[in-house]
N, C-alpha and C. Protein backbone atom coordinates (compact mmCIF):
# COMPACT_ATOMS: atom_id res chain seq x y z
N UNK A 1 -1.11 25.87 -1.06
CA UNK A 1 -0.66 26.48 -2.31
C UNK A 1 -1.35 25.86 -3.52
N UNK A 2 -1.65 24.57 -3.44
CA UNK A 2 -2.26 23.86 -4.58
C UNK A 2 -3.76 23.73 -4.35
N UNK A 3 -4.49 24.78 -4.64
CA UNK A 3 -5.92 24.84 -4.33
C UNK A 3 -6.78 23.90 -5.18
N UNK A 4 -6.23 23.37 -6.28
CA UNK A 4 -6.97 22.44 -7.12
C UNK A 4 -6.39 21.03 -7.07
N UNK A 5 -5.54 20.76 -6.07
CA UNK A 5 -5.00 19.41 -5.95
C UNK A 5 -6.13 18.45 -5.61
N UNK A 6 -5.93 17.18 -5.89
CA UNK A 6 -6.98 16.19 -5.63
C UNK A 6 -7.34 16.14 -4.15
N UNK A 7 -6.36 16.33 -3.27
CA UNK A 7 -6.63 16.31 -1.84
C UNK A 7 -7.55 17.46 -1.45
N UNK A 8 -7.24 18.65 -1.92
CA UNK A 8 -8.06 19.83 -1.58
C UNK A 8 -9.45 19.71 -2.18
N UNK A 9 -9.54 19.30 -3.43
CA UNK A 9 -10.85 19.15 -4.09
C UNK A 9 -11.70 18.12 -3.34
N UNK A 10 -11.11 16.97 -3.00
CA UNK A 10 -11.86 15.92 -2.31
C UNK A 10 -12.30 16.36 -0.91
N UNK A 11 -11.42 17.05 -0.18
CA UNK A 11 -11.80 17.51 1.16
C UNK A 11 -12.91 18.55 1.10
N UNK A 12 -12.87 19.42 0.11
CA UNK A 12 -13.95 20.39 -0.05
C UNK A 12 -15.27 19.70 -0.39
N UNK A 13 -15.21 18.61 -1.13
CA UNK A 13 -16.42 17.85 -1.44
C UNK A 13 -17.02 17.25 -0.16
N UNK A 14 -16.17 16.77 0.74
CA UNK A 14 -16.65 16.23 2.01
C UNK A 14 -17.28 17.35 2.82
N UNK A 15 -16.61 18.50 2.88
CA UNK A 15 -17.13 19.63 3.65
C UNK A 15 -18.50 20.07 3.14
N UNK A 16 -18.69 20.07 1.82
CA UNK A 16 -19.96 20.51 1.22
C UNK A 16 -21.03 19.42 1.22
N UNK A 17 -20.66 18.21 1.65
CA UNK A 17 -21.63 17.11 1.65
C UNK A 17 -21.77 16.43 0.30
N UNK A 18 -20.88 16.73 -0.62
CA UNK A 18 -20.90 16.09 -1.94
C UNK A 18 -20.23 14.71 -1.90
N UNK A 19 -19.53 14.41 -0.85
CA UNK A 19 -18.89 13.10 -0.63
C UNK A 19 -19.03 12.77 0.85
N UNK A 20 -19.12 11.49 1.15
CA UNK A 20 -19.26 11.05 2.54
C UNK A 20 -17.92 10.83 3.23
N UNK A 21 -16.89 10.55 2.44
CA UNK A 21 -15.59 10.24 3.03
C UNK A 21 -14.48 10.60 2.06
N UNK A 22 -13.27 10.57 2.58
CA UNK A 22 -12.08 10.87 1.79
C UNK A 22 -11.01 9.84 2.14
N UNK A 23 -10.45 9.20 1.13
CA UNK A 23 -9.40 8.21 1.31
C UNK A 23 -8.23 8.62 0.44
N UNK A 24 -7.03 8.55 0.99
CA UNK A 24 -5.86 8.94 0.22
C UNK A 24 -4.64 8.15 0.65
N UNK A 25 -3.74 7.93 -0.30
CA UNK A 25 -2.43 7.32 -0.02
C UNK A 25 -1.38 8.43 -0.04
N UNK A 26 -1.82 9.67 -0.01
CA UNK A 26 -0.91 10.82 -0.05
C UNK A 26 -0.27 11.11 1.28
N UNK A 27 0.33 12.27 1.39
CA UNK A 27 1.04 12.70 2.59
C UNK A 27 0.11 12.75 3.80
N UNK A 28 0.43 11.98 4.84
CA UNK A 28 -0.42 11.96 6.03
C UNK A 28 -0.43 13.33 6.70
N UNK A 29 0.69 14.04 6.68
CA UNK A 29 0.74 15.38 7.26
C UNK A 29 -0.19 16.34 6.54
N UNK A 30 -0.17 16.31 5.20
CA UNK A 30 -1.04 17.18 4.41
C UNK A 30 -2.51 16.84 4.64
N UNK A 31 -2.80 15.56 4.75
CA UNK A 31 -4.18 15.13 4.96
C UNK A 31 -4.66 15.55 6.35
N UNK A 32 -3.80 15.42 7.35
CA UNK A 32 -4.16 15.80 8.70
C UNK A 32 -4.43 17.30 8.80
N UNK A 33 -3.52 18.10 8.26
CA UNK A 33 -3.70 19.56 8.30
C UNK A 33 -4.89 19.98 7.45
N UNK A 34 -4.98 19.44 6.24
CA UNK A 34 -6.10 19.76 5.37
C UNK A 34 -7.43 19.37 5.97
N UNK A 35 -7.46 18.21 6.62
CA UNK A 35 -8.69 17.77 7.26
C UNK A 35 -9.15 18.73 8.33
N UNK A 36 -8.21 19.22 9.13
CA UNK A 36 -8.57 20.17 10.19
C UNK A 36 -8.98 21.52 9.63
N UNK A 37 -8.23 22.01 8.64
CA UNK A 37 -8.50 23.35 8.12
C UNK A 37 -9.69 23.40 7.17
N UNK A 38 -9.82 22.38 6.32
CA UNK A 38 -10.89 22.40 5.31
C UNK A 38 -12.17 21.73 5.79
N UNK A 39 -12.06 20.52 6.30
CA UNK A 39 -13.25 19.77 6.71
C UNK A 39 -13.66 20.16 8.12
N UNK A 40 -12.68 20.28 9.00
CA UNK A 40 -12.96 20.61 10.40
C UNK A 40 -13.08 19.36 11.25
N UNK A 41 -13.00 19.54 12.56
CA UNK A 41 -13.10 18.42 13.49
C UNK A 41 -14.56 18.20 13.89
N UNK A 42 -14.83 17.01 14.35
CA UNK A 42 -16.13 16.69 14.92
C UNK A 42 -16.25 17.48 16.22
N UNK A 43 -17.41 18.01 16.49
CA UNK A 43 -17.63 18.79 17.71
C UNK A 43 -17.23 17.98 18.93
N UNK A 44 -16.43 18.57 19.79
CA UNK A 44 -15.98 17.92 21.01
C UNK A 44 -14.65 17.20 20.89
N UNK A 45 -14.16 17.00 19.68
CA UNK A 45 -12.87 16.34 19.49
C UNK A 45 -11.77 17.40 19.53
N UNK A 46 -10.89 17.28 20.53
CA UNK A 46 -9.83 18.26 20.70
C UNK A 46 -8.75 18.13 19.63
N UNK A 47 -8.34 16.90 19.35
CA UNK A 47 -7.28 16.66 18.36
C UNK A 47 -7.59 15.38 17.59
N UNK A 48 -7.37 15.40 16.29
CA UNK A 48 -7.58 14.18 15.51
C UNK A 48 -6.34 13.28 15.57
N UNK A 49 -6.51 12.00 15.80
CA UNK A 49 -5.36 11.08 15.80
C UNK A 49 -5.24 10.36 14.46
N UNK A 50 -4.07 9.84 14.18
CA UNK A 50 -3.88 8.91 13.07
C UNK A 50 -4.01 7.52 13.67
N UNK A 51 -4.80 6.66 13.05
CA UNK A 51 -5.12 5.38 13.68
C UNK A 51 -5.17 4.24 12.67
N UNK A 52 -4.03 3.60 12.42
CA UNK A 52 -4.03 2.44 11.51
C UNK A 52 -4.46 1.17 12.22
N UNK A 53 -4.94 0.23 11.44
CA UNK A 53 -5.24 -1.11 11.94
C UNK A 53 -3.98 -1.95 11.77
N UNK A 54 -3.59 -2.64 12.83
CA UNK A 54 -2.42 -3.52 12.79
C UNK A 54 -2.87 -4.97 12.72
N UNK A 55 -2.24 -5.77 11.86
CA UNK A 55 -2.60 -7.19 11.84
C UNK A 55 -2.12 -7.86 13.13
N UNK A 56 -2.96 -8.74 13.66
CA UNK A 56 -2.61 -9.49 14.86
C UNK A 56 -3.00 -10.95 14.67
N UNK A 57 -2.60 -11.76 15.61
CA UNK A 57 -2.94 -13.18 15.60
C UNK A 57 -4.45 -13.39 15.62
N UNK A 58 -5.19 -12.46 16.26
CA UNK A 58 -6.64 -12.60 16.41
C UNK A 58 -7.44 -11.78 15.40
N UNK A 59 -6.78 -11.06 14.50
CA UNK A 59 -7.46 -10.20 13.53
C UNK A 59 -6.71 -8.90 13.37
N UNK A 60 -7.28 -7.82 13.93
CA UNK A 60 -6.61 -6.52 13.87
C UNK A 60 -6.79 -5.78 15.19
N UNK A 61 -5.86 -4.86 15.45
CA UNK A 61 -5.96 -3.93 16.58
C UNK A 61 -5.80 -2.53 16.02
N UNK A 62 -6.45 -1.57 16.66
CA UNK A 62 -6.36 -0.17 16.24
C UNK A 62 -5.28 0.51 17.08
N UNK A 63 -4.28 1.06 16.40
CA UNK A 63 -3.20 1.80 17.06
C UNK A 63 -3.54 3.28 16.97
N UNK A 64 -3.80 3.91 18.11
CA UNK A 64 -4.28 5.29 18.09
C UNK A 64 -3.55 6.10 19.16
N UNK A 65 -2.68 6.92 18.85
CA UNK A 65 -2.27 7.71 17.72
C UNK A 65 -0.89 7.25 17.26
N UNK A 66 -0.61 7.34 15.97
CA UNK A 66 0.69 6.89 15.47
C UNK A 66 1.46 8.01 14.78
N UNK A 67 1.13 9.26 15.04
CA UNK A 67 1.95 10.29 14.42
C UNK A 67 1.37 11.69 14.38
N UNK A 68 0.18 11.91 14.87
CA UNK A 68 -0.44 13.23 14.73
C UNK A 68 -0.23 14.14 15.93
N UNK A 69 -0.08 13.60 17.13
CA UNK A 69 -0.10 14.42 18.34
C UNK A 69 1.08 14.14 19.27
N UNK A 70 2.21 14.76 18.96
CA UNK A 70 3.41 14.55 19.75
C UNK A 70 3.25 15.12 21.15
N UNK A 71 2.57 16.22 21.28
CA UNK A 71 2.39 16.85 22.58
C UNK A 71 0.98 16.63 23.11
N UNK A 72 0.55 15.38 23.14
CA UNK A 72 -0.79 15.05 23.59
C UNK A 72 -0.92 15.25 25.10
N UNK A 73 -2.13 15.55 25.52
CA UNK A 73 -2.46 15.68 26.94
C UNK A 73 -3.31 14.47 27.34
N UNK A 74 -3.47 14.24 28.64
CA UNK A 74 -4.31 13.12 29.08
C UNK A 74 -5.72 13.16 28.49
N UNK A 75 -6.30 14.35 28.39
CA UNK A 75 -7.65 14.44 27.83
C UNK A 75 -7.69 13.98 26.38
N UNK A 76 -6.61 14.21 25.65
CA UNK A 76 -6.55 13.74 24.26
C UNK A 76 -6.54 12.21 24.23
N UNK A 77 -5.71 11.60 25.09
CA UNK A 77 -5.62 10.14 25.09
C UNK A 77 -6.94 9.49 25.51
N UNK A 78 -7.65 10.12 26.43
CA UNK A 78 -8.97 9.61 26.82
C UNK A 78 -9.91 9.68 25.62
N UNK A 79 -9.88 10.79 24.88
CA UNK A 79 -10.71 10.89 23.68
C UNK A 79 -10.31 9.85 22.64
N UNK A 80 -8.99 9.62 22.47
CA UNK A 80 -8.54 8.61 21.52
C UNK A 80 -9.10 7.23 21.91
N UNK A 81 -9.06 6.93 23.21
CA UNK A 81 -9.57 5.65 23.69
C UNK A 81 -11.06 5.50 23.36
N UNK A 82 -11.81 6.55 23.58
CA UNK A 82 -13.25 6.51 23.31
C UNK A 82 -13.52 6.40 21.81
N UNK A 83 -12.81 7.21 21.00
CA UNK A 83 -13.01 7.15 19.55
C UNK A 83 -12.60 5.79 19.01
N UNK A 84 -11.48 5.25 19.50
CA UNK A 84 -11.01 3.95 19.05
C UNK A 84 -11.97 2.84 19.42
N UNK A 85 -12.53 2.92 20.61
CA UNK A 85 -13.50 1.92 21.04
C UNK A 85 -14.75 1.96 20.17
N UNK A 86 -15.24 3.15 19.89
CA UNK A 86 -16.42 3.31 19.02
C UNK A 86 -16.13 2.76 17.63
N UNK A 87 -14.96 3.08 17.09
CA UNK A 87 -14.59 2.61 15.75
C UNK A 87 -14.53 1.08 15.71
N UNK A 88 -13.84 0.50 16.67
CA UNK A 88 -13.70 -0.96 16.65
C UNK A 88 -15.05 -1.66 16.80
N UNK A 89 -15.94 -1.08 17.60
CA UNK A 89 -17.25 -1.71 17.79
C UNK A 89 -18.16 -1.52 16.59
N UNK A 90 -18.27 -0.29 16.11
CA UNK A 90 -19.26 0.01 15.07
C UNK A 90 -18.77 -0.19 13.64
N UNK A 91 -17.48 -0.10 13.41
CA UNK A 91 -16.96 -0.29 12.06
C UNK A 91 -16.38 -1.69 11.89
N UNK A 92 -15.62 -2.15 12.87
CA UNK A 92 -14.95 -3.45 12.75
C UNK A 92 -15.77 -4.59 13.36
N UNK A 93 -16.86 -4.26 14.06
CA UNK A 93 -17.74 -5.29 14.61
C UNK A 93 -17.22 -6.02 15.83
N UNK A 94 -16.29 -5.41 16.56
CA UNK A 94 -15.75 -6.02 17.78
C UNK A 94 -16.64 -5.64 18.95
N UNK A 95 -17.26 -6.61 19.57
CA UNK A 95 -18.13 -6.33 20.71
C UNK A 95 -17.29 -6.03 21.95
N UNK A 96 -17.61 -4.94 22.63
CA UNK A 96 -16.93 -4.53 23.86
C UNK A 96 -15.40 -4.55 23.71
N UNK A 97 -14.86 -3.76 22.75
CA UNK A 97 -13.43 -3.80 22.47
C UNK A 97 -12.57 -3.49 23.70
N UNK A 98 -11.47 -4.24 23.81
CA UNK A 98 -10.54 -4.07 24.93
C UNK A 98 -9.58 -2.92 24.62
N UNK A 99 -9.51 -1.96 25.54
CA UNK A 99 -8.67 -0.77 25.38
C UNK A 99 -7.52 -0.83 26.37
N UNK A 100 -6.30 -0.51 25.90
CA UNK A 100 -5.16 -0.49 26.82
C UNK A 100 -4.29 0.74 26.60
N UNK A 101 -3.45 1.02 27.58
CA UNK A 101 -2.43 2.06 27.47
C UNK A 101 -1.22 1.60 28.28
N UNK A 102 -0.04 1.76 27.71
CA UNK A 102 1.19 1.52 28.45
C UNK A 102 1.45 0.08 28.81
N UNK A 103 2.48 -0.13 29.62
CA UNK A 103 2.91 -1.48 29.98
C UNK A 103 2.41 -1.90 31.36
N UNK A 104 2.67 -1.13 32.37
CA UNK A 104 2.21 -1.45 33.72
C UNK A 104 1.75 -0.16 34.37
N UNK A 105 0.77 -0.25 35.25
CA UNK A 105 0.16 0.94 35.84
C UNK A 105 1.18 1.89 36.45
N UNK A 106 2.17 1.33 37.14
CA UNK A 106 3.13 2.21 37.81
C UNK A 106 4.31 2.59 36.91
N UNK A 107 4.35 2.08 35.68
CA UNK A 107 5.43 2.41 34.75
C UNK A 107 4.96 3.41 33.70
N UNK A 108 5.91 3.97 32.97
CA UNK A 108 5.59 4.87 31.88
C UNK A 108 5.97 6.30 32.20
N UNK A 109 5.81 7.15 31.20
CA UNK A 109 6.13 8.57 31.38
C UNK A 109 4.99 9.26 32.13
N UNK A 110 5.16 10.54 32.39
CA UNK A 110 4.16 11.30 33.15
C UNK A 110 2.79 11.28 32.46
N UNK A 111 2.79 11.35 31.13
CA UNK A 111 1.52 11.35 30.39
C UNK A 111 0.75 10.04 30.63
N UNK A 112 1.43 8.92 30.54
CA UNK A 112 0.78 7.63 30.74
C UNK A 112 0.30 7.49 32.19
N UNK A 113 1.14 7.89 33.13
CA UNK A 113 0.78 7.78 34.55
C UNK A 113 -0.43 8.67 34.89
N UNK A 114 -0.53 9.81 34.24
CA UNK A 114 -1.65 10.72 34.49
C UNK A 114 -2.93 10.25 33.79
N UNK A 115 -2.77 9.60 32.64
CA UNK A 115 -3.92 9.15 31.85
C UNK A 115 -4.52 7.86 32.38
N UNK A 116 -3.69 6.97 32.91
CA UNK A 116 -4.14 5.65 33.36
C UNK A 116 -5.35 5.72 34.28
N UNK A 117 -5.32 6.51 35.37
CA UNK A 117 -6.50 6.54 36.26
C UNK A 117 -7.73 7.15 35.59
N UNK A 118 -7.54 8.05 34.64
CA UNK A 118 -8.67 8.64 33.91
C UNK A 118 -9.37 7.57 33.07
N UNK A 119 -8.58 6.71 32.44
CA UNK A 119 -9.15 5.63 31.64
C UNK A 119 -9.82 4.58 32.53
N UNK A 120 -9.26 4.34 33.71
CA UNK A 120 -9.88 3.39 34.66
C UNK A 120 -11.27 3.84 35.06
N UNK A 121 -11.47 5.16 35.12
CA UNK A 121 -12.76 5.72 35.54
C UNK A 121 -13.78 5.77 34.41
N UNK A 122 -13.36 5.62 33.17
CA UNK A 122 -14.29 5.69 32.03
C UNK A 122 -15.20 4.47 32.02
N UNK A 123 -16.47 4.71 32.21
CA UNK A 123 -17.43 3.61 32.23
C UNK A 123 -17.90 3.22 30.83
N UNK A 124 -17.64 4.09 29.83
CA UNK A 124 -18.13 3.81 28.48
C UNK A 124 -17.10 3.10 27.60
N UNK A 125 -15.99 2.65 28.19
CA UNK A 125 -15.02 1.83 27.45
C UNK A 125 -14.63 0.63 28.31
N UNK A 126 -14.13 -0.40 27.66
CA UNK A 126 -13.67 -1.61 28.33
C UNK A 126 -12.15 -1.50 28.51
N UNK A 127 -11.75 -0.71 29.50
CA UNK A 127 -10.33 -0.48 29.75
C UNK A 127 -9.74 -1.68 30.48
N UNK A 128 -8.77 -2.34 29.85
CA UNK A 128 -8.18 -3.54 30.43
C UNK A 128 -6.85 -3.25 31.12
N UNK A 129 -6.48 -1.99 31.21
CA UNK A 129 -5.22 -1.64 31.85
C UNK A 129 -4.10 -1.68 30.84
N UNK A 130 -3.04 -2.38 31.19
CA UNK A 130 -1.85 -2.37 30.37
C UNK A 130 -1.51 -3.74 29.82
N UNK A 131 -0.83 -3.70 28.68
CA UNK A 131 -0.24 -4.91 28.11
C UNK A 131 1.19 -4.55 27.73
N UNK A 132 2.02 -5.55 27.61
CA UNK A 132 3.39 -5.33 27.15
C UNK A 132 3.38 -5.21 25.63
N UNK A 133 4.35 -4.51 25.08
CA UNK A 133 4.42 -4.31 23.63
C UNK A 133 4.48 -5.65 22.89
N UNK A 134 5.14 -6.63 23.48
CA UNK A 134 5.25 -7.94 22.81
C UNK A 134 3.89 -8.63 22.67
N UNK A 135 2.88 -8.17 23.40
CA UNK A 135 1.54 -8.76 23.33
C UNK A 135 0.68 -8.15 22.23
N UNK A 136 1.13 -7.04 21.65
CA UNK A 136 0.36 -6.39 20.58
C UNK A 136 0.12 -7.34 19.41
N UNK A 137 1.15 -8.02 18.88
CA UNK A 137 0.90 -8.91 17.73
C UNK A 137 -0.02 -10.08 18.05
N UNK A 138 -0.18 -10.41 19.32
CA UNK A 138 -1.08 -11.50 19.71
C UNK A 138 -2.54 -11.04 19.81
N UNK A 139 -2.78 -9.73 19.68
CA UNK A 139 -4.14 -9.22 19.72
C UNK A 139 -4.72 -9.14 21.13
N UNK A 140 -3.87 -8.90 22.12
CA UNK A 140 -4.33 -8.84 23.51
C UNK A 140 -5.25 -7.64 23.77
N UNK A 141 -5.10 -6.58 22.96
CA UNK A 141 -5.97 -5.41 23.08
C UNK A 141 -6.52 -5.08 21.70
N UNK A 142 -7.74 -4.58 21.66
CA UNK A 142 -8.35 -4.18 20.39
C UNK A 142 -7.99 -2.74 20.04
N UNK A 143 -7.78 -1.91 21.07
CA UNK A 143 -7.44 -0.50 20.89
C UNK A 143 -6.18 -0.22 21.72
N UNK A 144 -5.14 0.21 21.05
CA UNK A 144 -3.86 0.51 21.71
C UNK A 144 -3.71 2.03 21.72
N UNK A 145 -3.83 2.63 22.90
CA UNK A 145 -3.80 4.08 23.03
C UNK A 145 -2.38 4.55 23.35
N UNK A 146 -1.90 5.52 22.58
CA UNK A 146 -0.57 6.08 22.84
C UNK A 146 -0.47 7.46 22.18
N UNK A 147 0.57 8.18 22.56
CA UNK A 147 0.82 9.45 21.88
C UNK A 147 1.63 9.15 20.62
N UNK A 148 1.80 10.15 19.79
CA UNK A 148 2.33 9.98 18.44
C UNK A 148 3.71 9.32 18.37
N UNK A 149 4.63 9.69 19.24
CA UNK A 149 5.98 9.16 19.14
C UNK A 149 5.99 7.65 19.37
N UNK A 150 5.38 7.21 20.45
CA UNK A 150 5.33 5.79 20.76
C UNK A 150 4.58 5.04 19.67
N UNK A 151 3.44 5.58 19.25
CA UNK A 151 2.65 4.93 18.21
C UNK A 151 3.40 4.81 16.90
N UNK A 152 4.17 5.84 16.55
CA UNK A 152 4.93 5.81 15.31
C UNK A 152 6.05 4.76 15.40
N UNK A 153 6.68 4.63 16.56
CA UNK A 153 7.71 3.60 16.74
C UNK A 153 7.09 2.22 16.57
N UNK A 154 5.93 1.99 17.18
CA UNK A 154 5.25 0.69 17.04
C UNK A 154 4.94 0.42 15.57
N UNK A 155 4.37 1.40 14.88
CA UNK A 155 3.99 1.23 13.48
C UNK A 155 5.20 0.93 12.61
N UNK A 156 6.27 1.71 12.76
CA UNK A 156 7.46 1.51 11.93
C UNK A 156 8.15 0.18 12.24
N UNK A 157 8.13 -0.25 13.50
CA UNK A 157 8.70 -1.55 13.85
C UNK A 157 7.89 -2.67 13.19
N UNK A 158 6.57 -2.55 13.24
CA UNK A 158 5.70 -3.53 12.57
C UNK A 158 6.04 -3.61 11.08
N UNK A 159 6.14 -2.44 10.44
CA UNK A 159 6.45 -2.41 9.00
C UNK A 159 7.79 -3.06 8.71
N UNK A 160 8.80 -2.75 9.51
CA UNK A 160 10.13 -3.29 9.30
C UNK A 160 10.21 -4.79 9.52
N UNK A 161 9.62 -5.27 10.60
CA UNK A 161 9.63 -6.70 10.89
C UNK A 161 8.87 -7.46 9.80
N UNK A 162 7.74 -6.91 9.36
CA UNK A 162 6.98 -7.54 8.29
C UNK A 162 7.78 -7.67 7.01
N UNK A 163 8.49 -6.60 6.63
CA UNK A 163 9.30 -6.62 5.41
C UNK A 163 10.43 -7.64 5.52
N UNK A 164 11.07 -7.71 6.69
CA UNK A 164 12.16 -8.67 6.89
C UNK A 164 11.62 -10.10 6.81
N UNK A 165 10.49 -10.36 7.47
CA UNK A 165 9.93 -11.71 7.44
C UNK A 165 9.56 -12.15 6.03
N UNK A 166 8.95 -11.27 5.27
CA UNK A 166 8.58 -11.59 3.89
C UNK A 166 9.83 -11.86 3.06
N UNK A 167 10.84 -11.03 3.24
CA UNK A 167 12.10 -11.21 2.52
C UNK A 167 12.74 -12.56 2.85
N UNK A 168 12.75 -12.92 4.13
CA UNK A 168 13.34 -14.19 4.56
C UNK A 168 12.56 -15.38 3.99
N UNK A 169 11.24 -15.30 4.01
CA UNK A 169 10.41 -16.38 3.47
C UNK A 169 10.67 -16.53 1.98
N UNK A 170 10.69 -15.41 1.24
CA UNK A 170 10.95 -15.47 -0.20
C UNK A 170 12.33 -16.06 -0.48
N UNK A 171 13.31 -15.62 0.27
CA UNK A 171 14.68 -16.13 0.08
C UNK A 171 14.72 -17.63 0.35
N UNK A 172 14.06 -18.07 1.41
CA UNK A 172 14.01 -19.50 1.73
C UNK A 172 13.32 -20.31 0.67
N UNK A 173 12.31 -19.73 0.04
CA UNK A 173 11.57 -20.44 -1.00
C UNK A 173 12.36 -20.57 -2.30
N UNK A 174 13.41 -19.81 -2.45
CA UNK A 174 14.18 -19.82 -3.70
C UNK A 174 15.55 -20.50 -3.56
N UNK A 175 15.77 -21.26 -2.49
CA UNK A 175 17.09 -21.84 -2.25
C UNK A 175 17.38 -23.10 -3.06
N UNK A 176 16.36 -23.82 -3.45
CA UNK A 176 16.58 -25.06 -4.22
C UNK A 176 15.39 -25.29 -5.15
N UNK A 177 15.56 -26.25 -6.05
CA UNK A 177 14.48 -26.59 -6.96
C UNK A 177 13.26 -27.08 -6.17
N UNK A 178 13.51 -27.87 -5.16
CA UNK A 178 12.43 -28.40 -4.33
C UNK A 178 11.66 -27.28 -3.64
N UNK A 179 12.37 -26.29 -3.07
CA UNK A 179 11.69 -25.17 -2.38
C UNK A 179 10.96 -24.29 -3.39
N UNK A 180 11.50 -24.18 -4.62
CA UNK A 180 10.81 -23.39 -5.65
C UNK A 180 9.49 -24.06 -6.05
N UNK A 181 9.50 -25.38 -6.15
CA UNK A 181 8.25 -26.10 -6.46
C UNK A 181 7.27 -25.92 -5.31
N UNK A 182 7.76 -25.99 -4.08
CA UNK A 182 6.91 -25.74 -2.91
C UNK A 182 6.34 -24.35 -2.93
N UNK A 183 7.15 -23.37 -3.33
CA UNK A 183 6.69 -21.98 -3.43
C UNK A 183 5.58 -21.84 -4.45
N UNK A 184 5.70 -22.53 -5.57
CA UNK A 184 4.64 -22.48 -6.58
C UNK A 184 3.35 -23.06 -6.03
N UNK A 185 3.45 -24.12 -5.25
CA UNK A 185 2.26 -24.72 -4.66
C UNK A 185 1.62 -23.80 -3.62
N UNK A 186 2.45 -23.04 -2.93
CA UNK A 186 1.93 -22.08 -1.95
C UNK A 186 1.19 -21.00 -2.68
């Protein structure tokens, strides 16, 4: 409806080659739909994923997908793994990025069970199998492959835990004159 909004104008610039990229803090849904309708997908990509970088003990991990594809198929997850691996290697500089899906090979929903052997067969990625969710913050995998629902739960949990930890640290720093002086030094 808003044909002159900044999102539409910027996406049209990318489509025409007047801009190389588009970055926005706007609605992820609008950006996803606009990207597909206005800019279009890369040839061979069935579905575009949303893929944020998560802070980890070792740097960052790419969470792919965190909200774009609720009804993903195994072929989509294989593409996400490949795209995530390429991104981590060529953009983030991670050599031979470790890719994972799910918790254990024999566990998970039908989608994970069907995708696992497909990823094992991919020779162009470093598929390490599965890690437990508690290992994500430790950076055990560079690319975490999942469908939108699981990815969104991971992302929102990360956001919530981060906010609580920051709040607790700030509260602790303001409990006494001594802690306030320590906070200033920090």
